[in-house]
Amino acid sequence: MVGIIKNLGQTPLQVNGMPDHIHIAARLRPDMAPATFVQKVKANSSKWINEQGFLPQKFSWQTGGGTFSVSRTHVDAVRHYIKNQKAHHAKKSFRKEYIDILRRNDIEPDPKYLPDFFED
C-alpha cells in the first residue's frame, strides 16, 4: 500500500489493516481528489494481490469507502490510532466505529452504500 501511495505521488503517513478493513493516513497533493485516491489505491492494490496469487479466489474491495480530512494538530493521534487498530477494535467493532464516525460528522449512514453494516 505504501508503495502504491508513493507511486501515485502522494505521501503515506500511516497504513494498517484488519481482516475486514484498512485505514490509510496520507497527505494528498491538491491535484488528486480523495475519491480518486481511494479508487486508485483500491484498483492498484487489488490488481497486485491478484497478480501475486495470495488467495485462491479473485480479490476485490467492497464498493465505496470513507475519507475524512484531519487537521494538522490531529495527525499524530490519527497515526497512533491506525498503528494500534488491533487493540482499538478489540474494544469496538469496525461496524460500530464507522457508523459512529459518520454520525459524529452529521452523515447519516445509508443502507444503500453500507448494506452489510445494518445486518444483525
PDB file of N, CA and C in Angstrom:
ATOM      1  N   MET A   1       0.829  -1.193   0.000  1.00  0.00           N
ATOM      2  CA  MET A   1       0.000   0.000   0.000  1.00  0.00           C
ATOM      3  C   MET A   1       0.874   1.258   0.000  1.00  0.00           C
ATOM      4  N   VAL A   2       1.923   1.240   0.824  1.00  0.00           N
ATOM      5  CA  VAL A   2       2.796   2.404   0.892  1.00  0.00           C
ATOM      6  C   VAL A   2       3.404   2.683  -0.481  1.00  0.00           C
ATOM      7  N   GLY A   3       3.851   1.637  -1.162  1.00  0.00           N
ATOM      8  CA  GLY A   3       4.419   1.808  -2.496  1.00  0.00           C
ATOM      9  C   GLY A   3       3.403   2.347  -3.490  1.00  0.00           C
ATOM     10  N   ILE A   4       2.187   1.858  -3.413  1.00  0.00           N
ATOM     11  CA  ILE A   4       1.122   2.343  -4.309  1.00  0.00           C
ATOM     12  C   ILE A   4       0.865   3.817  -4.053  1.00  0.00           C
ATOM     13  N   ILE A   5       0.781   4.197  -2.800  1.00  0.00           N
ATOM     14  CA  ILE A   5       0.529   5.606  -2.448  1.00  0.00           C
ATOM     15  C   ILE A   5       1.654   6.490  -2.970  1.00  0.00           C
ATOM     16  N   LYS A   6       2.882   6.052  -2.782  1.00  0.00           N
ATOM     17  CA  LYS A   6       4.032   6.824  -3.281  1.00  0.00           C
ATOM     18  C   LYS A   6       4.026   6.909  -4.805  1.00  0.00           C
ATOM     19  N   ASN A   7       3.683   5.787  -5.472  1.00  0.00           N
ATOM     20  CA  ASN A   7       3.618   5.791  -6.931  1.00  0.00           C
ATOM     21  C   ASN A   7       2.537   6.729  -7.470  1.00  0.00           C
ATOM     22  N   LEU A   8       1.552   7.019  -6.643  1.00  0.00           N
ATOM     23  CA  LEU A   8       0.513   7.976  -7.032  1.00  0.00           C
ATOM     24  C   LEU A   8       0.964   9.416  -6.765  1.00  0.00           C
ATOM     25  N   GLY A   9       2.172   9.583  -6.246  1.00  0.00           N
ATOM     26  CA  GLY A   9       2.700  10.910  -5.964  1.00  0.00           C
ATOM     27  C   GLY A   9       2.186  11.518  -4.672  1.00  0.00           C
ATOM     28  N   GLN A  10       1.664  10.668  -3.785  1.00  0.00           N
ATOM     29  CA  GLN A  10       1.115  11.135  -2.517  1.00  0.00           C
ATOM     30  C   GLN A  10       2.050  10.709  -1.382  1.00  0.00           C
ATOM     31  N   THR A  11       1.805  11.222  -0.193  1.00  0.00           N
ATOM     32  CA  THR A  11       2.667  10.943   0.951  1.00  0.00           C
ATOM     33  C   THR A  11       1.950  10.065   1.971  1.00  0.00           C
ATOM     34  N   PRO A  12       2.381   8.804   2.109  1.00  0.00           N
ATOM     35  CA  PRO A  12       1.769   7.947   3.137  1.00  0.00           C
ATOM     36  C   PRO A  12       2.258   8.370   4.521  1.00  0.00           C
ATOM     37  N   LEU A  13       1.339   8.457   5.464  1.00  0.00           N
ATOM     38  CA  LEU A  13       1.686   8.799   6.841  1.00  0.00           C
ATOM     39  C   LEU A  13       1.584   7.586   7.752  1.00  0.00           C
ATOM     40  N   GLN A  14       0.557   6.765   7.545  1.00  0.00           N
ATOM     41  CA  GLN A  14       0.384   5.529   8.322  1.00  0.00           C
ATOM     42  C   GLN A  14      -0.593   4.637   7.572  1.00  0.00           C
ATOM     43  N   VAL A  15      -0.285   3.358   7.501  1.00  0.00           N
ATOM     44  CA  VAL A  15      -1.148   2.375   6.855  1.00  0.00           C
ATOM     45  C   VAL A  15      -1.192   1.143   7.751  1.00  0.00           C
ATOM     46  N   ASN A  16      -2.382   0.624   7.966  1.00  0.00           N
ATOM     47  CA  ASN A  16      -2.522  -0.608   8.742  1.00  0.00           C
ATOM     48  C   ASN A  16      -3.885  -1.207   8.422  1.00  0.00           C
ATOM     49  N   GLY A  17      -3.977  -2.510   8.501  1.00  0.00           N
ATOM     50  CA  GLY A  17      -5.224  -3.158   8.155  1.00  0.00           C
ATOM     51  C   GLY A  17      -5.655  -4.204   9.153  1.00  0.00           C
ATOM     52  N   MET A  18      -6.915  -4.501   9.080  1.00  0.00           N
ATOM     53  CA  MET A  18      -7.549  -5.562   9.845  1.00  0.00           C
ATOM     54  C   MET A  18      -8.116  -6.544   8.816  1.00  0.00           C
ATOM     55  N   PRO A  19      -8.610  -7.691   9.251  1.00  0.00           N
ATOM     56  CA  PRO A  19      -9.145  -8.644   8.273  1.00  0.00           C
ATOM     57  C   PRO A  19     -10.295  -8.083   7.423  1.00  0.00           C
ATOM     58  N   ASP A  20     -11.052  -7.114   7.951  1.00  0.00           N
ATOM     59  CA  ASP A  20     -12.226  -6.631   7.215  1.00  0.00           C
ATOM     60  C   ASP A  20     -12.136  -5.181   6.746  1.00  0.00           C
ATOM     61  N   HIS A  21     -11.003  -4.517   6.969  1.00  0.00           N
ATOM     62  CA  HIS A  21     -10.870  -3.136   6.508  1.00  0.00           C
ATOM     63  C   HIS A  21      -9.432  -2.660   6.633  1.00  0.00           C
ATOM     64  N   ILE A  22      -9.183  -1.510   6.054  1.00  0.00           N
ATOM     65  CA  ILE A  22      -7.859  -0.904   6.132  1.00  0.00           C
ATOM     66  C   ILE A  22      -8.016   0.582   6.415  1.00  0.00           C
ATOM     67  N   HIS A  23      -7.059   1.133   7.140  1.00  0.00           N
ATOM     68  CA  HIS A  23      -7.006   2.571   7.374  1.00  0.00           C
ATOM     69  C   HIS A  23      -5.736   3.106   6.737  1.00  0.00           C
ATOM     70  N   ILE A  24      -5.850   4.229   6.070  1.00  0.00           N
ATOM     71  CA  ILE A  24      -4.709   4.896   5.467  1.00  0.00           C
ATOM     72  C   ILE A  24      -4.752   6.360   5.874  1.00  0.00           C
ATOM     73  N   ALA A  25      -3.648   6.842   6.401  1.00  0.00           N
ATOM     74  CA  ALA A  25      -3.480   8.287   6.588  1.00  0.00           C
ATOM     75  C   ALA A  25      -2.457   8.708   5.554  1.00  0.00           C
ATOM     76  N   ALA A  26      -2.819   9.669   4.741  1.00  0.00           N
ATOM     77  CA  ALA A  26      -1.926  10.131   3.686  1.00  0.00           C
ATOM     78  C   ALA A  26      -2.115  11.630   3.480  1.00  0.00           C
ATOM     79  N   ARG A  27      -1.051  12.263   3.104  1.00  0.00           N
ATOM     80  CA  ARG A  27      -1.127  13.675   2.729  1.00  0.00           C
ATOM     81  C   ARG A  27      -1.302  13.698   1.214  1.00  0.00           C
ATOM     82  N   LEU A  28      -2.433  14.254   0.768  1.00  0.00           N
ATOM     83  CA  LEU A  28      -2.729  14.296  -0.658  1.00  0.00           C
ATOM     84  C   LEU A  28      -2.352  15.644  -1.250  1.00  0.00           C
ATOM     85  N   ARG A  29      -1.784  15.577  -2.420  1.00  0.00           N
ATOM     86  CA  ARG A  29      -1.482  16.801  -3.158  1.00  0.00           C
ATOM     87  C   ARG A  29      -2.810  17.383  -3.663  1.00  0.00           C
ATOM     88  N   PRO A  30      -2.852  18.679  -3.894  1.00  0.00           N
ATOM     89  CA  PRO A  30      -4.115  19.302  -4.319  1.00  0.00           C
ATOM     90  C   PRO A  30      -4.637  18.807  -5.670  1.00  0.00           C
ATOM     91  N   ASP A  31      -3.779  18.179  -6.476  1.00  0.00           N
ATOM     92  CA  ASP A  31      -4.226  17.736  -7.795  1.00  0.00           C
ATOM     93  C   ASP A  31      -4.886  16.351  -7.775  1.00  0.00           C
ATOM     94  N   MET A  32      -5.078  15.764  -6.589  1.00  0.00           N
ATOM     95  CA  MET A  32      -5.763  14.472  -6.513  1.00  0.00           C
ATOM     96  C   MET A  32      -6.908  14.547  -5.508  1.00  0.00           C
ATOM     97  N   ALA A  33      -8.097  14.326  -5.990  1.00  0.00           N
ATOM     98  CA  ALA A  33      -9.275  14.317  -5.125  1.00  0.00           C
ATOM     99  C   ALA A  33      -9.242  13.066  -4.244  1.00  0.00           C
ATOM    100  N   PRO A  34      -9.736  13.169  -3.010  1.00  0.00           N
ATOM    101  CA  PRO A  34      -9.758  11.990  -2.132  1.00  0.00           C
ATOM    102  C   PRO A  34     -10.445  10.778  -2.758  1.00  0.00           C
ATOM    103  N   ALA A  35     -11.556  10.978  -3.444  1.00  0.00           N
ATOM    104  CA  ALA A  35     -12.266   9.846  -4.056  1.00  0.00           C
ATOM    105  C   ALA A  35     -11.409   9.181  -5.134  1.00  0.00           C
ATOM    106  N   THR A  36     -10.680   9.973  -5.887  1.00  0.00           N
ATOM    107  CA  THR A  36      -9.785   9.429  -6.911  1.00  0.00           C
ATOM    108  C   THR A  36      -8.661   8.641  -6.254  1.00  0.00           C
ATOM    109  N   PHE A  37      -8.126   9.173  -5.174  1.00  0.00           N
ATOM    110  CA  PHE A  37      -7.066   8.483  -4.426  1.00  0.00           C
ATOM    111  C   PHE A  37      -7.549   7.108  -3.966  1.00  0.00           C
ATOM    112  N   VAL A  38      -8.705   7.057  -3.333  1.00  0.00           N
ATOM    113  CA  VAL A  38      -9.238   5.784  -2.841  1.00  0.00           C
ATOM    114  C   VAL A  38      -9.449   4.811  -4.001  1.00  0.00           C
ATOM    115  N   GLN A  39     -10.032   5.289  -5.083  1.00  0.00           N
ATOM    116  CA  GLN A  39     -10.287   4.428  -6.244  1.00  0.00           C
ATOM    117  C   GLN A  39      -8.977   3.852  -6.786  1.00  0.00           C
ATOM    118  N   LYS A  40      -7.958   4.684  -6.908  1.00  0.00           N
ATOM    119  CA  LYS A  40      -6.683   4.221  -7.454  1.00  0.00           C
ATOM    120  C   LYS A  40      -5.962   3.269  -6.503  1.00  0.00           C
ATOM    121  N   VAL A  41      -5.997   3.554  -5.209  1.00  0.00           N
ATOM    122  CA  VAL A  41      -5.371   2.644  -4.237  1.00  0.00           C
ATOM    123  C   VAL A  41      -6.083   1.295  -4.267  1.00  0.00           C
ATOM    124  N   LYS A  42      -7.400   1.300  -4.298  1.00  0.00           N
ATOM    125  CA  LYS A  42      -8.144   0.049  -4.324  1.00  0.00           C
ATOM    126  C   LYS A  42      -7.873  -0.730  -5.614  1.00  0.00           C
ATOM    127  N   ALA A  43      -7.890  -0.050  -6.743  1.00  0.00           N
ATOM    128  CA  ALA A  43      -7.662  -0.722  -8.030  1.00  0.00           C
ATOM    129  C   ALA A  43      -6.256  -1.308  -8.104  1.00  0.00           C
ATOM    130  N   ASN A  44      -5.259  -0.517  -7.755  1.00  0.00           N
ATOM    131  CA  ASN A  44      -3.881  -0.982  -7.842  1.00  0.00           C
ATOM    132  C   ASN A  44      -3.573  -2.082  -6.825  1.00  0.00           C
ATOM    133  N   SER A  45      -4.114  -1.972  -5.617  1.00  0.00           N
ATOM    134  CA  SER A  45      -3.831  -2.997  -4.609  1.00  0.00           C
ATOM    135  C   SER A  45      -4.541  -4.303  -4.934  1.00  0.00           C
ATOM    136  N   SER A  46      -5.774  -4.241  -5.403  1.00  0.00           N
ATOM    137  CA  SER A  46      -6.462  -5.494  -5.744  1.00  0.00           C
ATOM    138  C   SER A  46      -5.778  -6.167  -6.936  1.00  0.00           C
ATOM    139  N   LYS A  47      -5.313  -5.374  -7.894  1.00  0.00           N
ATOM    140  CA  LYS A  47      -4.574  -5.939  -9.032  1.00  0.00           C
ATOM    141  C   LYS A  47      -3.316  -6.641  -8.538  1.00  0.00           C
ATOM    142  N   TRP A  48      -2.567  -5.988  -7.657  1.00  0.00           N
ATOM    143  CA  TRP A  48      -1.331  -6.572  -7.121  1.00  0.00           C
ATOM    144  C   TRP A  48      -1.619  -7.855  -6.338  1.00  0.00           C
ATOM    145  N   ILE A  49      -2.631  -7.823  -5.481  1.00  0.00           N
ATOM    146  CA  ILE A  49      -2.985  -9.008  -4.687  1.00  0.00           C
ATOM    147  C   ILE A  49      -3.325 -10.176  -5.605  1.00  0.00           C
ATOM    148  N   ASN A  50      -4.099  -9.903  -6.659  1.00  0.00           N
ATOM    149  CA  ASN A  50      -4.486 -10.970  -7.580  1.00  0.00           C
ATOM    150  C   ASN A  50      -3.300 -11.471  -8.407  1.00  0.00           C
ATOM    151  N   GLU A  51      -2.426 -10.572  -8.818  1.00  0.00           N
ATOM    152  CA  GLU A  51      -1.244 -10.989  -9.578  1.00  0.00           C
ATOM    153  C   GLU A  51      -0.314 -11.859  -8.733  1.00  0.00           C
ATOM    154  N   GLN A  52      -0.246 -11.602  -7.438  1.00  0.00           N
ATOM    155  CA  GLN A  52       0.624 -12.370  -6.545  1.00  0.00           C
ATOM    156  C   GLN A  52       0.039 -13.732  -6.206  1.00  0.00           C
ATOM    157  N   GLY A  53      -1.267 -13.913  -6.439  1.00  0.00           N
ATOM    158  CA  GLY A  53      -1.915 -15.196  -6.168  1.00  0.00           C
ATOM    159  C   GLY A  53      -2.012 -15.537  -4.692  1.00  0.00           C
ATOM    160  N   PHE A  54      -2.181 -14.520  -3.847  1.00  0.00           N
ATOM    161  CA  PHE A  54      -2.276 -14.746  -2.408  1.00  0.00           C
ATOM    162  C   PHE A  54      -3.528 -15.515  -2.003  1.00  0.00           C
ATOM    163  N   LEU A  55      -4.568 -15.413  -2.810  1.00  0.00           N
ATOM    164  CA  LEU A  55      -5.848 -16.029  -2.467  1.00  0.00           C
ATOM    165  C   LEU A  55      -6.274 -16.991  -3.570  1.00  0.00           C
ATOM    166  N   PRO A  56      -7.010 -18.052  -3.218  1.00  0.00           N
ATOM    167  CA  PRO A  56      -7.466 -18.979  -4.249  1.00  0.00           C
ATOM    168  C   PRO A  56      -8.554 -18.379  -5.149  1.00  0.00           C
ATOM    169  N   GLN A  57      -9.239 -17.370  -4.652  1.00  0.00           N
ATOM    170  CA  GLN A  57     -10.280 -16.705  -5.435  1.00  0.00           C
ATOM    171  C   GLN A  57      -9.827 -15.275  -5.767  1.00  0.00           C
ATOM    172  N   LYS A  58     -10.537 -14.649  -6.687  1.00  0.00           N
ATOM    173  CA  LYS A  58     -10.217 -13.278  -7.058  1.00  0.00           C
ATOM    174  C   LYS A  58     -10.542 -12.341  -5.896  1.00  0.00           C
ATOM    175  N   PHE A  59      -9.614 -11.449  -5.591  1.00  0.00           N
ATOM    176  CA  PHE A  59      -9.816 -10.469  -4.524  1.00  0.00           C
ATOM    177  C   PHE A  59     -10.405  -9.196  -5.106  1.00  0.00           C
ATOM    178  N   SER A  60     -11.346  -8.606  -4.378  1.00  0.00           N
ATOM    179  CA  SER A  60     -11.841  -7.274  -4.738  1.00  0.00           C
ATOM    180  C   SER A  60     -12.289  -6.572  -3.463  1.00  0.00           C
ATOM    181  N   TRP A  61     -12.117  -5.271  -3.451  1.00  0.00           N
ATOM    182  CA  TRP A  61     -12.562  -4.463  -2.321  1.00  0.00           C
ATOM    183  C   TRP A  61     -14.061  -4.267  -2.411  1.00  0.00           C
ATOM    184  N   GLN A  62     -14.684  -3.959  -1.284  1.00  0.00           N
ATOM    185  CA  GLN A  62     -16.097  -3.615  -1.291  1.00  0.00           C
ATOM    186  C   GLN A  62     -16.296  -2.329  -2.074  1.00  0.00           C
ATOM    187  N   THR A  63     -17.500  -2.085  -2.507  1.00  0.00           N
ATOM    188  CA  THR A  63     -17.839  -0.830  -3.166  1.00  0.00           C
ATOM    189  C   THR A  63     -17.863   0.272  -2.114  1.00  0.00           C
ATOM    190  N   GLY A  64     -17.356   1.415  -2.467  1.00  0.00           N
ATOM    191  CA  GLY A  64     -17.403   2.560  -1.562  1.00  0.00           C
ATOM    192  C   GLY A  64     -16.253   2.594  -0.586  1.00  0.00           C
ATOM    193  N   GLY A  65     -16.375   3.494   0.347  1.00  0.00           N
ATOM    194  CA  GLY A  65     -15.351   3.704   1.359  1.00  0.00           C
ATOM    195  C   GLY A  65     -15.588   5.067   1.986  1.00  0.00           C
ATOM    196  N   GLY A  66     -14.744   5.431   2.890  1.00  0.00           N
ATOM    197  CA  GLY A  66     -14.894   6.728   3.549  1.00  0.00           C
ATOM    198  C   GLY A  66     -13.587   7.478   3.567  1.00  0.00           C
ATOM    199  N   THR A  67     -13.673   8.768   3.398  1.00  0.00           N
ATOM    200  CA  THR A  67     -12.492   9.624   3.531  1.00  0.00           C
ATOM    201  C   THR A  67     -12.832  10.771   4.461  1.00  0.00           C
ATOM    202  N   PHE A  68     -11.873  11.118   5.291  1.00  0.00           N
ATOM    203  CA  PHE A  68     -12.054  12.204   6.244  1.00  0.00           C
ATOM    204  C   PHE A  68     -10.795  13.047   6.257  1.00  0.00           C
ATOM    205  N   SER A  69     -10.958  14.340   6.253  1.00  0.00           N
ATOM    206  CA  SER A  69      -9.793  15.207   6.393  1.00  0.00           C
ATOM    207  C   SER A  69      -9.484  15.360   7.879  1.00  0.00           C
ATOM    208  N   VAL A  70      -8.224  15.620   8.168  1.00  0.00           N
ATOM    209  CA  VAL A  70      -7.766  15.730   9.539  1.00  0.00           C
ATOM    210  C   VAL A  70      -6.901  16.982   9.650  1.00  0.00           C
ATOM    211  N   SER A  71      -7.133  17.755  10.680  1.00  0.00           N
ATOM    212  CA  SER A  71      -6.303  18.945  10.869  1.00  0.00           C
ATOM    213  C   SER A  71      -4.892  18.520  11.261  1.00  0.00           C
ATOM    214  N   ARG A  72      -3.944  19.359  10.940  1.00  0.00           N
ATOM    215  CA  ARG A  72      -2.543  19.075  11.226  1.00  0.00           C
ATOM    216  C   ARG A  72      -2.322  18.721  12.703  1.00  0.00           C
ATOM    217  N   THR A  73      -3.070  19.374  13.590  1.00  0.00           N
ATOM    218  CA  THR A  73      -2.886  19.140  15.027  1.00  0.00           C
ATOM    219  C   THR A  73      -3.363  17.757  15.469  1.00  0.00           C
ATOM    220  N   HIS A  74      -4.128  17.070  14.615  1.00  0.00           N
ATOM    221  CA  HIS A  74      -4.629  15.740  14.963  1.00  0.00           C
ATOM    222  C   HIS A  74      -3.935  14.598  14.221  1.00  0.00           C
ATOM    223  N   VAL A  75      -2.982  14.913  13.369  1.00  0.00           N
ATOM    224  CA  VAL A  75      -2.324  13.882  12.564  1.00  0.00           C
ATOM    225  C   VAL A  75      -1.634  12.839  13.436  1.00  0.00           C
ATOM    226  N   ASP A  76      -0.919  13.254  14.460  1.00  0.00           N
ATOM    227  CA  ASP A  76      -0.223  12.277  15.315  1.00  0.00           C
ATOM    228  C   ASP A  76      -1.208  11.330  15.994  1.00  0.00           C
ATOM    229  N   ALA A  77      -2.340  11.841  16.440  1.00  0.00           N
ATOM    230  CA  ALA A  77      -3.347  10.989  17.080  1.00  0.00           C
ATOM    231  C   ALA A  77      -3.921   9.989  16.078  1.00  0.00           C
ATOM    232  N   VAL A  78      -4.154  10.429  14.859  1.00  0.00           N
ATOM    233  CA  VAL A  78      -4.687   9.537  13.822  1.00  0.00           C
ATOM    234  C   VAL A  78      -3.653   8.461  13.484  1.00  0.00           C
ATOM    235  N   ARG A  79      -2.401   8.842  13.355  1.00  0.00           N
ATOM    236  CA  ARG A  79      -1.350   7.861  13.075  1.00  0.00           C
ATOM    237  C   ARG A  79      -1.262   6.829  14.202  1.00  0.00           C
ATOM    238  N   HIS A  80      -1.342   7.278  15.434  1.00  0.00           N
ATOM    239  CA  HIS A  80      -1.296   6.371  16.591  1.00  0.00           C
ATOM    240  C   HIS A  80      -2.495   5.413  16.554  1.00  0.00           C
ATOM    241  N   TYR A  81      -3.664   5.940  16.274  1.00  0.00           N
ATOM    242  CA  TYR A  81      -4.863   5.111  16.183  1.00  0.00           C
ATOM    243  C   TYR A  81      -4.695   4.038  15.108  1.00  0.00           C
ATOM    244  N   ILE A  82      -4.243   4.441  13.929  1.00  0.00           N
ATOM    245  CA  ILE A  82      -4.090   3.485  12.827  1.00  0.00           C
ATOM    246  C   ILE A  82      -3.052   2.421  13.185  1.00  0.00           C
ATOM    247  N   LYS A  83      -1.969   2.830  13.767  1.00  0.00           N
ATOM    248  CA  LYS A  83      -0.917   1.894  14.151  1.00  0.00           C
ATOM    249  C   LYS A  83      -1.423   0.865  15.160  1.00  0.00           C
ATOM    250  N   ASN A  84      -2.367   1.260  16.002  1.00  0.00           N
ATOM    251  CA  ASN A  84      -2.861   0.399  17.077  1.00  0.00           C
ATOM    252  C   ASN A  84      -4.292  -0.081  16.848  1.00  0.00           C
ATOM    253  N   GLN A  85      -4.665  -0.295  15.601  1.00  0.00           N
ATOM    254  CA  GLN A  85      -6.031  -0.726  15.273  1.00  0.00           C
ATOM    255  C   GLN A  85      -6.460  -2.000  15.988  1.00  0.00           C
ATOM    256  N   LYS A  86      -5.579  -2.963  16.056  1.00  0.00           N
ATOM    257  CA  LYS A  86      -5.958  -4.258  16.632  1.00  0.00           C
ATOM    258  C   LYS A  86      -6.450  -4.086  18.073  1.00  0.00           C
ATOM    259  N   ALA A  87      -5.719  -3.341  18.866  1.00  0.00           N
ATOM    260  CA  ALA A  87      -6.126  -3.103  20.259  1.00  0.00           C
ATOM    261  C   ALA A  87      -7.413  -2.299  20.315  1.00  0.00           C
ATOM    262  N   HIS A  88      -7.532  -1.308  19.435  1.00  0.00           N
ATOM    263  CA  HIS A  88      -8.730  -0.474  19.427  1.00  0.00           C
ATOM    264  C   HIS A  88      -9.968  -1.294  19.079  1.00  0.00           C
ATOM    265  N   HIS A  89      -9.848  -2.133  18.045  1.00  0.00           N
ATOM    266  CA  HIS A  89     -11.019  -2.906  17.608  1.00  0.00           C
ATOM    267  C   HIS A  89     -11.333  -4.074  18.537  1.00  0.00           C
ATOM    268  N   ALA A  90     -10.463  -4.368  19.461  1.00  0.00           N
ATOM    269  CA  ALA A  90     -10.804  -5.360  20.484  1.00  0.00           C
ATOM    270  C   ALA A  90     -11.876  -4.789  21.408  1.00  0.00           C
ATOM    271  N   LYS A  91     -11.964  -3.450  21.478  1.00  0.00           N
ATOM    272  CA  LYS A  91     -12.932  -2.780  22.339  1.00  0.00           C
ATOM    273  C   LYS A  91     -14.190  -2.340  21.578  1.00  0.00           C
ATOM    274  N   LYS A  92     -14.031  -2.037  20.283  1.00  0.00           N
ATOM    275  CA  LYS A  92     -15.152  -1.509  19.497  1.00  0.00           C
ATOM    276  C   LYS A  92     -15.048  -2.045  18.079  1.00  0.00           C
ATOM    277  N   SER A  93     -16.133  -2.625  17.581  1.00  0.00           N
ATOM    278  CA  SER A  93     -16.111  -3.203  16.238  1.00  0.00           C
ATOM    279  C   SER A  93     -15.968  -2.114  15.184  1.00  0.00           C
ATOM    280  N   PHE A  94     -15.437  -2.516  14.048  1.00  0.00           N
ATOM    281  CA  PHE A  94     -15.314  -1.588  12.925  1.00  0.00           C
ATOM    282  C   PHE A  94     -16.681  -1.050  12.525  1.00  0.00           C
ATOM    283  N   ARG A  95     -17.658  -1.924  12.468  1.00  0.00           N
ATOM    284  CA  ARG A  95     -19.019  -1.524  12.088  1.00  0.00           C
ATOM    285  C   ARG A  95     -19.526  -0.402  12.987  1.00  0.00           C
ATOM    286  N   LYS A  96     -19.440  -0.614  14.295  1.00  0.00           N
ATOM    287  CA  LYS A  96     -19.920   0.378  15.259  1.00  0.00           C
ATOM    288  C   LYS A  96     -19.115   1.672  15.148  1.00  0.00           C
ATOM    289  N   GLU A  97     -17.826   1.525  15.048  1.00  0.00           N
ATOM    290  CA  GLU A  97     -16.968   2.703  14.970  1.00  0.00           C
ATOM    291  C   GLU A  97     -17.266   3.539  13.723  1.00  0.00           C
ATOM    292  N   TYR A  98     -17.403   2.889  12.578  1.00  0.00           N
ATOM    293  CA  TYR A  98     -17.623   3.620  11.335  1.00  0.00           C
ATOM    294  C   TYR A  98     -18.955   4.369  11.364  1.00  0.00           C
ATOM    295  N   ILE A  99     -19.984   3.712  11.829  1.00  0.00           N
ATOM    296  CA  ILE A  99     -21.285   4.373  11.932  1.00  0.00           C
ATOM    297  C   ILE A  99     -21.210   5.537  12.916  1.00  0.00           C
ATOM    298  N   ASP A 100     -20.514   5.358  14.019  1.00  0.00           N
ATOM    299  CA  ASP A 100     -20.340   6.456  14.990  1.00  0.00           C
ATOM    300  C   ASP A 100     -19.603   7.637  14.371  1.00  0.00           C
ATOM    301  N   ILE A 101     -18.542   7.358  13.608  1.00  0.00           N
ATOM    302  CA  ILE A 101     -17.786   8.438  12.949  1.00  0.00           C
ATOM    303  C   ILE A 101     -18.688   9.193  11.976  1.00  0.00           C
ATOM    304  N   LEU A 102     -19.440   8.462  11.189  1.00  0.00           N
ATOM    305  CA  LEU A 102     -20.352   9.125  10.245  1.00  0.00           C
ATOM    306  C   LEU A 102     -21.328  10.032  10.990  1.00  0.00           C
ATOM    307  N   ARG A 103     -21.944   9.505  12.019  1.00  0.00           N
ATOM    308  CA  ARG A 103     -22.950  10.285  12.753  1.00  0.00           C
ATOM    309  C   ARG A 103     -22.339  11.475  13.488  1.00  0.00           C
ATOM    310  N   ARG A 104     -21.121  11.314  14.021  1.00  0.00           N
ATOM    311  CA  ARG A 104     -20.439  12.443  14.679  1.00  0.00           C
ATOM    312  C   ARG A 104     -20.168  13.574  13.697  1.00  0.00           C
ATOM    313  N   ASN A 105     -20.080  13.231  12.417  1.00  0.00           N
ATOM    314  CA  ASN A 105     -19.831  14.221  11.384  1.00  0.00           C
ATOM    315  C   ASN A 105     -21.100  14.583  10.617  1.00  0.00           C
ATOM    316  N   ASP A 106     -22.253  14.333  11.257  1.00  0.00           N
ATOM    317  CA  ASP A 106     -23.559  14.661  10.693  1.00  0.00           C
ATOM    318  C   ASP A 106     -23.817  14.004   9.341  1.00  0.00           C
ATOM    319  N   ILE A 107     -23.346  12.761   9.201  1.00  0.00           N
ATOM    320  CA  ILE A 107     -23.597  11.975   7.995  1.00  0.00           C
ATOM    321  C   ILE A 107     -24.417  10.764   8.418  1.00  0.00           C
ATOM    322  N   GLU A 108     -25.639  10.693   7.975  1.00  0.00           N
ATOM    323  CA  GLU A 108     -26.484   9.562   8.334  1.00  0.00           C
ATOM    324  C   GLU A 108     -26.102   8.370   7.455  1.00  0.00           C
ATOM    325  N   PRO A 109     -25.718   7.245   8.045  1.00  0.00           N
ATOM    326  CA  PRO A 109     -25.349   6.069   7.253  1.00  0.00           C
ATOM    327  C   PRO A 109     -26.496   5.647   6.341  1.00  0.00           C
ATOM    328  N   ASP A 110     -26.182   5.345   5.121  1.00  0.00           N
ATOM    329  CA  ASP A 110     -27.177   4.954   4.133  1.00  0.00           C
ATOM    330  C   ASP A 110     -27.044   3.459   3.848  1.00  0.00           C
ATOM    331  N   PRO A 111     -28.069   2.662   4.175  1.00  0.00           N
ATOM    332  CA  PRO A 111     -28.001   1.217   3.932  1.00  0.00           C
ATOM    333  C   PRO A 111     -27.710   0.871   2.473  1.00  0.00           C
ATOM    334  N   LYS A 112     -28.021   1.769   1.559  1.00  0.00           N
ATOM    335  CA  LYS A 112     -27.746   1.546   0.137  1.00  0.00           C
ATOM    336  C   LYS A 112     -26.244   1.364  -0.098  1.00  0.00           C
ATOM    337  N   TYR A 113     -25.428   2.102   0.659  1.00  0.00           N
ATOM    338  CA  TYR A 113     -23.982   2.038   0.489  1.00  0.00           C
ATOM    339  C   TYR A 113     -23.303   1.137   1.515  1.00  0.00           C
ATOM    340  N   LEU A 114     -23.992   0.824   2.584  1.00  0.00           N
ATOM    341  CA  LEU A 114     -23.426   0.008   3.650  1.00  0.00           C
ATOM    342  C   LEU A 114     -24.373  -1.114   4.045  1.00  0.00           C
ATOM    343  N   PRO A 115     -24.820  -1.934   3.091  1.00  0.00           N
ATOM    344  CA  PRO A 115     -25.857  -2.919   3.423  1.00  0.00           C
ATOM    345  C   PRO A 115     -25.444  -3.890   4.513  1.00  0.00           C
ATOM    346  N   ASP A 116     -24.215  -4.371   4.490  1.00  0.00           N
ATOM    347  CA  ASP A 116     -23.795  -5.337   5.497  1.00  0.00           C
ATOM    348  C   ASP A 116     -23.612  -4.708   6.870  1.00  0.00           C
ATOM    349  N   PHE A 117     -23.549  -3.392   6.936  1.00  0.00           N
ATOM    350  CA  PHE A 117     -23.410  -2.715   8.208  1.00  0.00           C
ATOM    351  C   PHE A 117     -24.710  -2.728   9.007  1.00  0.00           C
ATOM    352  N   PHE A 118     -25.806  -2.996   8.342  1.00  0.00           N
ATOM    353  CA  PHE A 118     -27.087  -2.916   9.006  1.00  0.00           C
ATOM    354  C   PHE A 118     -27.692  -4.286   9.287  1.00  0.00           C
ATOM    355  N   GLU A 119     -26.931  -5.337   9.021  1.00  0.00           N
ATOM    356  CA  GLU A 119     -27.398  -6.684   9.342  1.00  0.00           C
ATOM    357  C   GLU A 119     -27.110  -6.964  10.805  1.00  0.00           C
ATOM    358  N   ASP A 120     -27.993  -7.656  11.456  1.00  0.00           N
ATOM    359  CA  ASP A 120     -27.769  -8.021  12.859  1.00  0.00           C
ATOM    360  C   ASP A 120     -27.046  -9.330  12.986  1.00  0.00           C
TER     361      ASP A 120
END
